[in-house]
């Protein structure tokens, strides 16, 4: 039997999926690696840790492959934005600076001043945020000039792993869109963004489509992993782009809601010419010649786990959810804003903090639990409504992650989003998207939509309840007022925070 591999290079671990032609996950393996926080706000990893872990996970899967079976292709999903600086020998000059590193606030303001907000949004389709790659490049140039001088090229995390497996240097469009150096609509490096921010064009690697072939594995890689030297390697994409592919977000009207530690609402875009003025992220899709827009809630599932760990550490999640089921829609007028670590969309504010608003003596623990779930969903709905205000039709939402494991939360999503909410039978996320890119690349399918028809199966469907939909529409209006009403207070409390 022939299969493909999808490699999902996450922040804490790499996960490898072995997927057959019918979309069945035949095997999987995962290997973790450390993160280094040497100073407040710093987050770094050793790029060779990714390579060693990826080879180990691939070898684990290959060692269990039945005799006579083969792997035709491999592709990648990767954590976005991380800066990997390479010398002339394509070896790392320093540790990679990760997406969640926050040392570059000053550089973000410099980018805005150097380019202007209108041009920044017109070219890159995104705001200047600490997580992106360009601010990291500028930080290294300013604070580590010897490292910057030594650099011959930069890549992103998965690109370095792929480089070590094949010897070929590339970056795909979906990941390049997260650097702030790509002209997203034109799918080419922006000379203006590079030159106005002091970045030599020589540092920018060759661009390629996510399904484009980037060689085959080297003989050394084959020896270390068990992959055949004939195994074709494809570029892959950013984790969110691959998550969209793996969830079937490949046509207009279909949107993804992912609730992990953070929360993401992601929607398909047929063109790159819409103007969201930086209010949401706007990236190239992993599917050819299309795009996606995305909003982020920083503390989605994390808000619920924080709530449980803080107030009911000994109560199982299931028991808390059962209590929330007995609370009515709207939690008897109790509102929660999930800003416990700041917020991203639509308020890029690292100093805002969360609130419970409207507490009264009759509120029970079930009301508080429901309010937390509703508040997280209201935050996600900020992105849904931003999309609709720009004329997007959102009629079906694929829900994955922790929020898709609770019938209560799924119904709350349908009611607040005012859309059909659908779960998947097998939820493998970005790793499945990477496998689908490999399946498309080797020629199993004519396009990714045909692949999704085989690989992605829907399971449960939730429709909005008319009464709840009307109540939540009114309550959402109240929720939207909390940020403005509490912003000044929260900012003034910063000196008192431990």
Protein backbone atom coordinates (compact mmCIF):
# COMPACT_ATOMS: atom_id res chain seq x y z
CA UNK A 1 0.00 0.00 0.00
CA UNK A 2 1.25 3.47 -0.88
CA UNK A 3 1.04 6.32 1.64
CA UNK A 4 2.17 9.90 2.23
CA UNK A 5 3.57 11.61 5.31
CA UNK A 6 2.33 14.84 6.84
CA UNK A 7 4.84 16.47 9.22
CA UNK A 8 3.39 19.05 11.61
CA UNK A 9 6.19 21.05 13.23
CA UNK A 10 4.57 22.62 16.29
CA UNK A 11 5.95 24.82 19.05
CA UNK A 12 6.31 22.03 21.60
CA UNK A 13 6.57 18.90 19.43
CA UNK A 14 6.61 17.52 15.92
CA UNK A 15 3.86 15.11 14.88
CA UNK A 16 4.12 12.84 11.85
CA UNK A 17 1.06 11.25 10.21
CA UNK A 18 1.14 8.30 7.81
CA UNK A 19 -1.94 8.63 5.57
CA UNK A 20 -3.29 6.20 2.99
CA UNK A 21 -5.00 7.04 -0.33
CA UNK A 22 -8.45 6.82 1.27
CA UNK A 23 -7.53 9.41 3.92
CA UNK A 24 -7.09 6.87 6.71
CA UNK A 25 -4.41 7.73 9.26
CA UNK A 26 -2.45 4.49 9.35
CA UNK A 27 0.13 5.51 11.95
CA UNK A 28 1.49 8.52 13.79
CA UNK A 29 4.41 9.49 16.01
CA UNK A 30 5.34 12.56 18.02
CA UNK A 31 8.61 13.84 19.53
CA UNK A 32 8.95 16.93 21.73
CA UNK A 33 11.74 19.49 22.07
CA UNK A 34 12.53 22.33 24.50
CA UNK A 35 11.77 26.06 24.38
CA UNK A 36 14.26 28.53 25.85
CA UNK A 37 13.10 31.63 27.74
CA UNK A 38 16.39 33.28 28.65
CA UNK A 39 14.87 36.70 29.36
CA UNK A 40 11.33 38.05 29.90
CA UNK A 41 9.49 38.01 26.58
CA UNK A 42 12.11 35.82 24.89
CA UNK A 43 11.10 32.53 23.25
CA UNK A 44 13.66 30.56 21.26
CA UNK A 45 14.40 27.06 19.98
CA UNK A 46 17.40 25.26 18.53
CA UNK A 47 16.59 24.55 14.84
CA UNK A 48 18.56 21.31 14.92
CA UNK A 49 16.25 20.06 17.69
CA UNK A 50 13.44 20.26 15.12
CA UNK A 51 15.47 18.30 12.57
CA UNK A 52 16.50 15.57 14.99
CA UNK A 53 12.96 15.23 16.38
CA UNK A 54 11.44 15.11 12.87
CA UNK A 55 13.87 12.41 11.75
CA UNK A 56 13.16 10.41 14.90
CA UNK A 57 9.38 10.63 14.44
CA UNK A 58 9.63 9.72 10.74
CA UNK A 59 11.88 6.76 11.56
CA UNK A 60 9.41 5.55 14.19
CA UNK A 61 6.64 5.48 11.59
CA UNK A 62 8.85 3.96 8.88
CA UNK A 63 10.09 1.21 11.21
CA UNK A 64 6.46 0.12 11.67
CA UNK A 65 5.58 0.29 7.96
CA UNK A 66 4.48 -3.14 6.69
CA UNK A 67 6.92 -4.83 4.34
CA UNK A 68 6.17 -4.01 0.72
CA UNK A 69 4.48 -0.69 1.53
CA UNK A 70 6.09 2.57 0.49
CA UNK A 71 5.86 6.31 1.12
CA UNK A 72 5.49 8.28 -2.10
CA UNK A 73 5.63 11.81 -0.75
CA UNK A 74 6.07 14.01 2.30
CA UNK A 75 5.02 17.56 3.08
CA UNK A 76 5.08 19.91 6.03
CA UNK A 77 3.04 22.18 8.26
CA UNK A 78 5.00 24.57 10.43
CA UNK A 79 4.74 27.03 13.27
CA UNK A 80 4.69 30.47 11.65
CA UNK A 81 6.94 33.54 11.82
CA UNK A 82 9.99 32.02 13.56
CA UNK A 83 13.28 33.55 12.39
CA UNK A 84 16.00 31.06 11.40
CA UNK A 85 19.16 32.88 10.28
CA UNK A 86 21.56 30.80 8.18
CA UNK A 87 25.17 31.36 7.13
CA UNK A 88 26.73 30.59 3.75
CA UNK A 89 26.82 26.90 4.62
CA UNK A 90 23.11 26.97 5.50
CA UNK A 91 23.84 26.39 9.17
CA UNK A 92 22.00 28.30 11.92
CA UNK A 93 23.84 31.35 13.23
CA UNK A 94 21.82 31.53 16.44
CA UNK A 95 18.73 29.97 17.98
CA UNK A 96 15.45 30.60 16.19
CA UNK A 97 13.32 33.46 17.55
CA UNK A 98 9.76 32.12 17.76
CA UNK A 99 6.31 33.45 16.92
CA UNK A 100 5.47 34.01 20.62
CA UNK A 101 8.59 36.08 21.33
CA UNK A 102 7.59 39.63 22.31
CA UNK A 103 10.91 41.54 22.40
CA UNK A 104 10.25 43.50 19.18
CA UNK A 105 7.66 46.13 20.09
CA UNK A 106 10.06 48.99 19.24
CA UNK A 107 10.80 47.45 15.84
CA UNK A 108 7.07 47.20 15.08
CA UNK A 109 6.72 50.93 15.65
CA UNK A 110 9.76 51.52 13.42
CA UNK A 111 8.16 49.54 10.61
CA UNK A 112 5.01 51.64 10.85
CA UNK A 113 7.09 54.83 10.73
CA UNK A 114 9.34 53.59 7.90
CA UNK A 115 6.55 52.43 5.62
CA UNK A 116 3.35 54.12 6.83
CA UNK A 117 0.25 52.26 7.94
CA UNK A 118 -1.56 52.61 4.61
CA UNK A 119 1.34 51.16 2.62
CA UNK A 120 1.97 48.47 5.25
CA UNK A 121 -1.62 47.25 4.98
CA UNK A 122 -1.71 47.62 1.19
CA UNK A 123 1.41 45.52 0.67
CA UNK A 124 1.45 42.97 3.49
CA UNK A 125 -2.30 42.99 4.35
CA UNK A 126 -1.35 42.79 8.03
CA UNK A 127 -0.42 44.97 11.01
CA UNK A 128 3.10 45.07 12.40
CA UNK A 129 3.00 42.72 15.37
CA UNK A 130 5.78 41.32 17.53
CA UNK A 131 5.14 37.78 16.31
CA UNK A 132 6.03 38.48 12.67
CA UNK A 133 9.47 37.83 11.18
CA UNK A 134 10.53 41.25 9.88
CA UNK A 135 10.60 42.83 13.38
CA UNK A 136 12.84 39.94 14.49
CA UNK A 137 15.25 40.57 11.61
CA UNK A 138 15.41 44.24 12.56
CA UNK A 139 16.00 43.35 16.22
CA UNK A 140 18.95 41.11 15.33
CA UNK A 141 20.38 43.82 13.05
CA UNK A 142 20.18 46.34 15.91
CA UNK A 143 21.20 44.20 18.89
CA UNK A 144 23.34 41.44 17.33
CA UNK A 145 25.04 43.13 14.35
CA UNK A 146 27.72 40.46 14.03
CA UNK A 147 25.05 37.78 13.61
CA UNK A 148 23.19 39.88 11.07
CA UNK A 149 26.38 40.49 9.09
CA UNK A 150 27.10 36.76 9.03
CA UNK A 151 23.61 35.89 7.73
CA UNK A 152 23.32 34.74 4.12
CA UNK A 153 19.59 33.91 4.11
CA UNK A 154 16.68 33.42 6.50
CA UNK A 155 14.03 30.72 6.53
CA UNK A 156 11.08 29.73 8.70
CA UNK A 157 11.01 26.66 10.98
CA UNK A 158 9.59 24.00 8.66
CA UNK A 159 11.75 25.29 5.79
CA UNK A 160 14.88 24.54 7.79
CA UNK A 161 13.72 20.99 8.50
CA UNK A 162 12.89 20.45 4.84
CA UNK A 163 16.28 21.93 3.83
CA UNK A 164 18.07 19.39 6.03
CA UNK A 165 16.07 16.50 4.52
CA UNK A 166 16.57 17.52 0.89
CA UNK A 167 19.39 20.06 0.58
CA UNK A 168 16.94 22.36 -1.24
CA UNK A 169 16.21 25.92 -0.03
CA UNK A 170 12.68 27.32 -0.45
CA UNK A 171 9.87 29.16 1.36
CA UNK A 172 6.21 28.75 0.41
CA UNK A 173 3.82 31.66 -0.06
CA UNK A 174 1.58 30.89 2.92
CA UNK A 175 4.50 31.03 5.36
CA UNK A 176 6.17 33.96 3.59
CA UNK A 177 2.95 35.94 4.09
CA UNK A 178 3.67 35.91 7.82
CA UNK A 179 7.03 37.66 7.49
CA UNK A 180 5.76 41.20 6.65
CA UNK A 181 8.10 41.08 3.66
CA UNK A 182 5.73 39.54 1.10
CA UNK A 183 3.45 41.43 -1.24
CA UNK A 184 0.55 39.13 -0.44
CA UNK A 185 -1.65 39.93 -3.46
CA UNK A 186 1.24 39.72 -5.95
CA UNK A 187 2.87 36.66 -4.31
CA UNK A 188 6.36 38.15 -4.51
CA UNK A 189 8.88 39.62 -2.12
CA UNK A 190 8.30 43.34 -1.55
CA UNK A 191 11.36 45.37 -2.44
CA UNK A 192 9.72 48.35 -0.74
CA UNK A 193 9.22 46.57 2.58
CA UNK A 194 12.79 45.24 2.55
CA UNK A 195 14.55 48.43 1.51
CA UNK A 196 12.58 50.81 3.74
CA UNK A 197 13.40 48.61 6.74
CA UNK A 198 17.05 48.01 5.94
CA UNK A 199 16.83 44.33 4.97
CA UNK A 200 19.05 43.16 2.08
CA UNK A 201 17.10 41.39 -0.65
CA UNK A 202 19.80 38.71 -0.65
CA UNK A 203 18.42 37.41 2.67
CA UNK A 204 15.09 36.44 1.07
CA UNK A 205 14.87 32.79 -0.07
CA UNK A 206 13.27 31.50 -3.31
CA UNK A 207 9.46 31.30 -3.19
CA UNK A 208 7.36 28.29 -4.16
CA UNK A 209 3.74 27.07 -3.98
CA UNK A 210 2.77 24.86 -1.05
CA UNK A 211 2.21 21.88 -3.35
CA UNK A 212 5.43 22.54 -5.26
CA UNK A 213 8.08 19.83 -5.23
CA UNK A 214 11.32 20.72 -3.43
CA UNK A 215 13.36 17.72 -4.46
CA UNK A 216 13.58 14.25 -2.96
CA UNK A 217 15.15 13.08 0.28
CA UNK A 218 18.92 12.80 0.31
CA UNK A 219 20.70 9.47 0.68
CA UNK A 220 21.74 10.51 4.19
CA UNK A 221 18.12 11.29 5.12
CA UNK A 222 17.01 7.95 3.67
CA UNK A 223 19.63 6.17 5.76
CA UNK A 224 18.60 7.98 8.96
CA UNK A 225 14.82 7.75 8.56
CA UNK A 226 14.04 4.73 6.41
CA UNK A 227 12.38 6.87 3.73
CA UNK A 228 13.07 5.74 0.17
CA UNK A 229 15.37 8.02 -1.87
CA UNK A 230 12.52 8.22 -4.38
CA UNK A 231 10.26 9.92 -1.82
CA UNK A 232 9.14 13.24 -3.28
CA UNK A 233 9.22 16.26 -0.96
CA UNK A 234 6.74 19.12 -1.21
CA UNK A 235 7.02 22.60 0.28
CA UNK A 236 4.05 22.53 2.66
CA UNK A 237 2.58 25.52 4.40
CA UNK A 238 2.02 27.59 7.51
CA UNK A 239 0.21 25.74 10.29
CA UNK A 240 -3.00 27.76 9.91
CA UNK A 241 -3.01 27.32 6.13
CA UNK A 242 -2.51 23.57 6.53
CA UNK A 243 -5.15 23.48 9.25
CA UNK A 244 -7.55 25.08 6.79
CA UNK A 245 -6.72 22.47 4.14
CA UNK A 246 -7.04 19.62 6.63
CA UNK A 247 -10.47 20.91 7.69
CA UNK A 248 -11.76 21.41 4.14
CA UNK A 249 -11.75 25.23 4.13
CA UNK A 250 -11.37 25.33 0.37
CA UNK A 251 -14.35 27.32 -0.88
CA UNK A 252 -16.32 30.49 -0.20
CA UNK A 253 -18.85 30.35 2.62
CA UNK A 254 -16.95 27.81 4.72
CA UNK A 255 -15.14 29.08 7.81
CA UNK A 256 -12.98 27.39 10.45
CA UNK A 257 -13.27 27.91 14.21
CA UNK A 258 -10.40 26.36 16.15
CA UNK A 259 -10.35 26.53 19.94
CA UNK A 260 -7.06 25.39 21.38
CA UNK A 261 -5.09 27.35 23.95
CA UNK A 262 -5.73 30.31 21.67
CA UNK A 263 -8.67 30.56 19.31
CA UNK A 264 -8.72 31.13 15.56
CA UNK A 265 -11.49 32.02 13.14
CA UNK A 266 -10.28 31.51 9.58
CA UNK A 267 -12.15 32.05 6.34
CA UNK A 268 -11.43 31.32 2.68
CA UNK A 269 -10.77 34.24 0.33
CA UNK A 270 -10.84 33.84 -3.44
CA UNK A 271 -8.76 36.97 -4.04
CA UNK A 272 -6.16 39.15 -2.37
CA UNK A 273 -7.79 42.49 -3.13
CA UNK A 274 -10.04 43.03 -0.09
CA UNK A 275 -9.09 45.77 2.37
CA UNK A 276 -9.43 44.86 6.04
CA UNK A 277 -7.04 47.72 7.02
CA UNK A 278 -5.06 45.34 9.22
CA UNK A 279 -8.04 44.49 11.46
CA UNK A 280 -7.53 40.76 10.76
CA UNK A 281 -4.66 38.70 9.38
CA UNK A 282 -4.71 38.23 5.60
CA UNK A 283 -2.45 35.48 4.27
CA UNK A 284 -1.86 33.35 1.19
CA UNK A 285 -3.61 30.00 1.46
CA UNK A 286 -1.84 26.66 1.05
CA UNK A 287 -4.25 25.98 -1.82
CA UNK A 288 -3.02 27.45 -5.12
CA UNK A 289 -3.74 31.12 -5.92
CA UNK A 290 -6.21 31.80 -3.09
CA UNK A 291 -6.04 33.40 0.36
CA UNK A 292 -7.46 33.28 3.86
CA UNK A 293 -8.34 35.84 6.49
CA UNK A 294 -7.99 35.10 10.17
CA UNK A 295 -8.72 36.56 13.59
CA UNK A 296 -7.17 35.40 16.86
CA UNK A 297 -8.40 35.21 20.45
CA UNK A 298 -5.26 34.86 22.58
CA UNK A 299 -6.88 33.00 25.49
CA UNK A 300 -9.67 30.78 24.18
CA UNK A 301 -9.35 27.30 25.69
CA UNK A 302 -6.80 28.78 28.06
CA UNK A 303 -9.50 30.96 29.62
CA UNK A 304 -11.57 27.90 30.46
CA UNK A 305 -8.63 25.92 31.84
CA UNK A 306 -7.50 28.98 33.86
CA UNK A 307 -11.01 29.31 35.27
CA UNK A 308 -11.13 25.64 36.27
CA UNK A 309 -7.61 25.57 37.74
CA UNK A 310 -8.22 28.76 39.70
CA UNK A 311 -11.74 28.23 41.04
CA UNK A 312 -12.49 24.49 40.79
CA UNK A 313 -9.20 22.58 40.47
CA UNK A 314 -10.66 19.36 41.87
CA UNK A 315 -13.80 19.37 39.72
CA UNK A 316 -13.66 17.41 36.45
CA UNK A 317 -14.32 19.43 33.30
CA UNK A 318 -17.33 17.24 32.55
CA UNK A 319 -18.98 18.16 35.86
CA UNK A 320 -18.41 21.88 35.26
CA UNK A 321 -19.93 21.63 31.79
CA UNK A 322 -22.96 19.78 33.18
CA UNK A 323 -23.53 22.64 35.62
CA UNK A 324 -23.23 25.11 32.73
CA UNK A 325 -25.91 23.20 30.81
CA UNK A 326 -28.39 24.08 33.58
CA UNK A 327 -27.59 27.79 33.23
CA UNK A 328 -29.76 29.60 30.66
CA UNK A 329 -28.41 31.27 27.53
CA UNK A 330 -26.81 34.53 28.61
CA UNK A 331 -25.82 33.13 32.04
CA UNK A 332 -28.41 35.36 33.77
CA UNK A 333 -26.71 38.54 32.59
CA UNK A 334 -23.14 37.57 33.48
CA UNK A 335 -20.49 38.60 30.93
CA UNK A 336 -16.88 37.40 30.72
CA UNK A 337 -14.16 38.92 28.53
CA UNK A 338 -11.28 36.46 27.86
CA UNK A 339 -8.50 39.06 27.95
CA UNK A 340 -6.51 37.31 30.67
CA UNK A 341 -3.25 37.51 28.65
CA UNK A 342 -4.20 40.50 26.50
CA UNK A 343 -6.05 40.33 23.20
CA UNK A 344 -5.32 40.19 19.46
CA UNK A 345 -8.53 40.55 17.38
CA UNK A 346 -10.05 43.08 17.07
CA UNK A 347 -8.08 44.74 19.90
CA UNK A 348 -4.30 44.22 19.53
CA UNK A 349 -3.71 45.19 23.14
CA UNK A 350 -1.17 43.43 25.33
CA UNK A 351 -2.24 45.37 28.45
CA UNK A 352 -6.01 44.75 28.44
CA UNK A 353 -7.18 42.20 31.02
CA UNK A 354 -10.28 40.09 31.51
CA UNK A 355 -13.44 40.85 33.46
CA UNK A 356 -16.57 39.31 34.86
CA UNK A 357 -19.29 41.93 34.51
CA UNK A 358 -22.76 41.83 36.05
CA UNK A 359 -22.10 39.51 39.00
CA UNK A 360 -25.11 39.13 41.28
CA UNK A 361 -25.81 37.11 44.43
CA UNK A 362 -27.97 34.56 42.62
CA UNK A 363 -25.24 33.50 40.18
CA UNK A 364 -24.04 29.91 40.55
CA UNK A 365 -20.85 28.20 39.49
CA UNK A 366 -22.72 26.88 36.46
CA UNK A 367 -23.52 30.48 35.44
CA UNK A 368 -19.86 31.44 35.72
CA UNK A 369 -18.77 28.45 33.65
CA UNK A 370 -21.33 29.22 30.97
CA UNK A 371 -20.30 32.89 30.97
CA UNK A 372 -16.68 31.89 30.34
CA UNK A 373 -17.67 29.70 27.38
CA UNK A 374 -19.96 32.41 26.01
CA UNK A 375 -17.28 35.10 26.49
CA UNK A 376 -14.70 33.11 24.55
CA UNK A 377 -17.25 32.61 21.77
CA UNK A 378 -18.19 36.32 21.77
CA UNK A 379 -14.50 37.12 21.28
CA UNK A 380 -14.31 34.71 18.34
CA UNK A 381 -17.51 36.25 16.98
CA UNK A 382 -15.73 39.62 16.76
CA UNK A 383 -13.84 38.12 13.82
CA UNK A 384 -16.96 36.53 12.32
CA UNK A 385 -18.72 39.91 12.38
CA UNK A 386 -15.67 41.67 10.91
CA UNK A 387 -15.81 39.24 8.00
CA UNK A 388 -19.53 39.83 7.49
CA UNK A 389 -19.09 43.61 7.58
CA UNK A 390 -16.75 43.20 4.59
CA UNK A 391 -19.43 41.32 2.68
CA UNK A 392 -18.36 37.76 3.40
CA UNK A 393 -21.09 35.13 3.56
CA UNK A 394 -20.54 32.82 6.53
CA UNK A 395 -23.11 30.05 6.44
CA UNK A 396 -21.12 27.03 7.67
CA UNK A 397 -18.40 26.87 10.31
CA UNK A 398 -16.17 23.83 10.82
CA UNK A 399 -15.39 23.63 14.55
CA UNK A 400 -12.25 21.87 15.78
CA UNK A 401 -10.23 21.81 19.01
CA UNK A 402 -11.48 21.78 22.58
CA UNK A 403 -14.64 23.71 21.74
CA UNK A 404 -15.68 20.93 19.36
CA UNK A 405 -15.68 18.31 22.13
CA UNK A 406 -18.66 19.76 24.03
CA UNK A 407 -22.21 19.65 22.68
CA UNK A 408 -23.03 22.69 24.83
CA UNK A 409 -20.18 24.73 23.43
CA UNK A 410 -20.98 23.69 19.86
CA UNK A 411 -24.60 24.83 20.27
CA UNK A 412 -23.41 28.11 21.82
CA UNK A 413 -21.15 28.60 18.79
CA UNK A 414 -24.05 28.01 16.39
CA UNK A 415 -26.27 30.44 18.32
CA UNK A 416 -23.66 33.22 18.67
CA UNK A 417 -22.15 32.82 15.19
CA UNK A 418 -25.67 32.55 13.68
CA UNK A 419 -24.44 29.79 11.38
CA UNK A 420 -24.45 26.02 11.01
CA UNK A 421 -21.61 24.52 13.05
CA UNK A 422 -20.12 21.21 11.93
CA UNK A 423 -17.63 18.80 13.54
CA UNK A 424 -15.30 16.36 11.79
CA UNK A 425 -15.10 12.59 12.21
CA UNK A 426 -11.31 12.61 12.29
CA UNK A 427 -9.67 15.81 13.47
CA UNK A 428 -5.97 15.82 12.60
CA UNK A 429 -5.58 19.52 11.84
CA UNK A 430 -2.40 20.87 10.20
CA UNK A 431 -0.74 17.45 9.92
CA UNK A 432 -3.61 16.24 7.75
CA UNK A 433 -3.35 19.37 5.64
CA UNK A 434 0.34 18.64 5.08
CA UNK A 435 -0.49 15.06 4.10
CA UNK A 436 -3.12 16.36 1.67
CA UNK A 437 -0.53 18.63 0.04
CA UNK A 438 1.69 15.59 -0.44
CA UNK A 439 -1.23 13.53 -1.82
CA UNK A 440 -2.02 16.33 -4.27
CA UNK A 441 1.65 16.76 -5.14
CA UNK A 442 2.25 13.11 -6.02
CA UNK A 443 -0.81 13.15 -8.28
CA UNK A 444 -3.38 11.17 -6.32
CA UNK A 445 -5.92 13.96 -6.88
CA UNK A 446 -6.41 16.65 -9.51
CA UNK A 447 -6.86 19.34 -6.85
CA UNK A 448 -7.15 19.82 -3.10
CA UNK A 449 -10.95 19.98 -3.18
CA UNK A 450 -11.06 16.49 -4.65
CA UNK A 451 -8.62 15.37 -1.97
CA UNK A 452 -10.78 16.93 0.77
CA UNK A 453 -13.82 15.06 -0.54
CA UNK A 454 -12.00 11.84 0.38
CA UNK A 455 -9.86 12.88 3.35
CA UNK A 456 -12.28 15.17 5.28
CA UNK A 457 -15.52 13.71 6.71
CA UNK A 458 -18.15 15.76 8.52
CA UNK A 459 -19.87 14.35 11.59
CA UNK A 460 -22.30 16.37 13.77
CA UNK A 461 -24.29 19.41 12.65
CA UNK A 462 -25.64 22.16 14.94
CA UNK A 463 -28.18 24.76 13.82
CA UNK A 464 -28.84 28.11 15.55
CA UNK A 465 -31.82 28.16 17.94
CA UNK A 466 -33.91 31.21 17.00
CA UNK A 467 -34.61 32.31 20.58
CA UNK A 468 -30.99 32.02 21.64
CA UNK A 469 -29.77 33.69 18.47
CA UNK A 470 -31.82 36.82 19.21
CA UNK A 471 -30.71 36.92 22.86
CA UNK A 472 -27.04 36.54 21.96
CA UNK A 473 -27.27 39.23 19.31
CA UNK A 474 -28.35 41.71 21.98
CA UNK A 475 -25.82 40.42 24.53
CA UNK A 476 -22.98 40.63 21.99
CA UNK A 477 -23.67 44.36 21.67
CA UNK A 478 -23.17 44.68 25.43
CA UNK A 479 -20.01 42.53 25.27
CA UNK A 480 -18.49 44.85 22.66
CA UNK A 481 -18.75 47.78 25.05
CA UNK A 482 -16.66 46.19 27.80
CA UNK A 483 -13.29 46.70 26.11
CA UNK A 484 -13.72 50.45 25.72
CA UNK A 485 -15.22 50.81 29.20
CA UNK A 486 -12.33 49.01 30.93
CA UNK A 487 -9.30 49.83 28.74
CA UNK A 488 -8.07 52.86 30.72
CA UNK A 489 -8.58 51.11 34.06
CA UNK A 490 -6.70 48.00 32.94
CA UNK A 491 -3.81 50.00 31.54
CA UNK A 492 -3.53 52.00 34.77
CA UNK A 493 -3.34 48.77 36.78
CA UNK A 494 -0.16 47.61 35.00
CA UNK A 495 2.21 48.86 37.76
CA UNK A 496 0.34 46.76 40.33
CA UNK A 497 0.65 43.46 38.48
CA UNK A 498 3.05 40.94 39.92
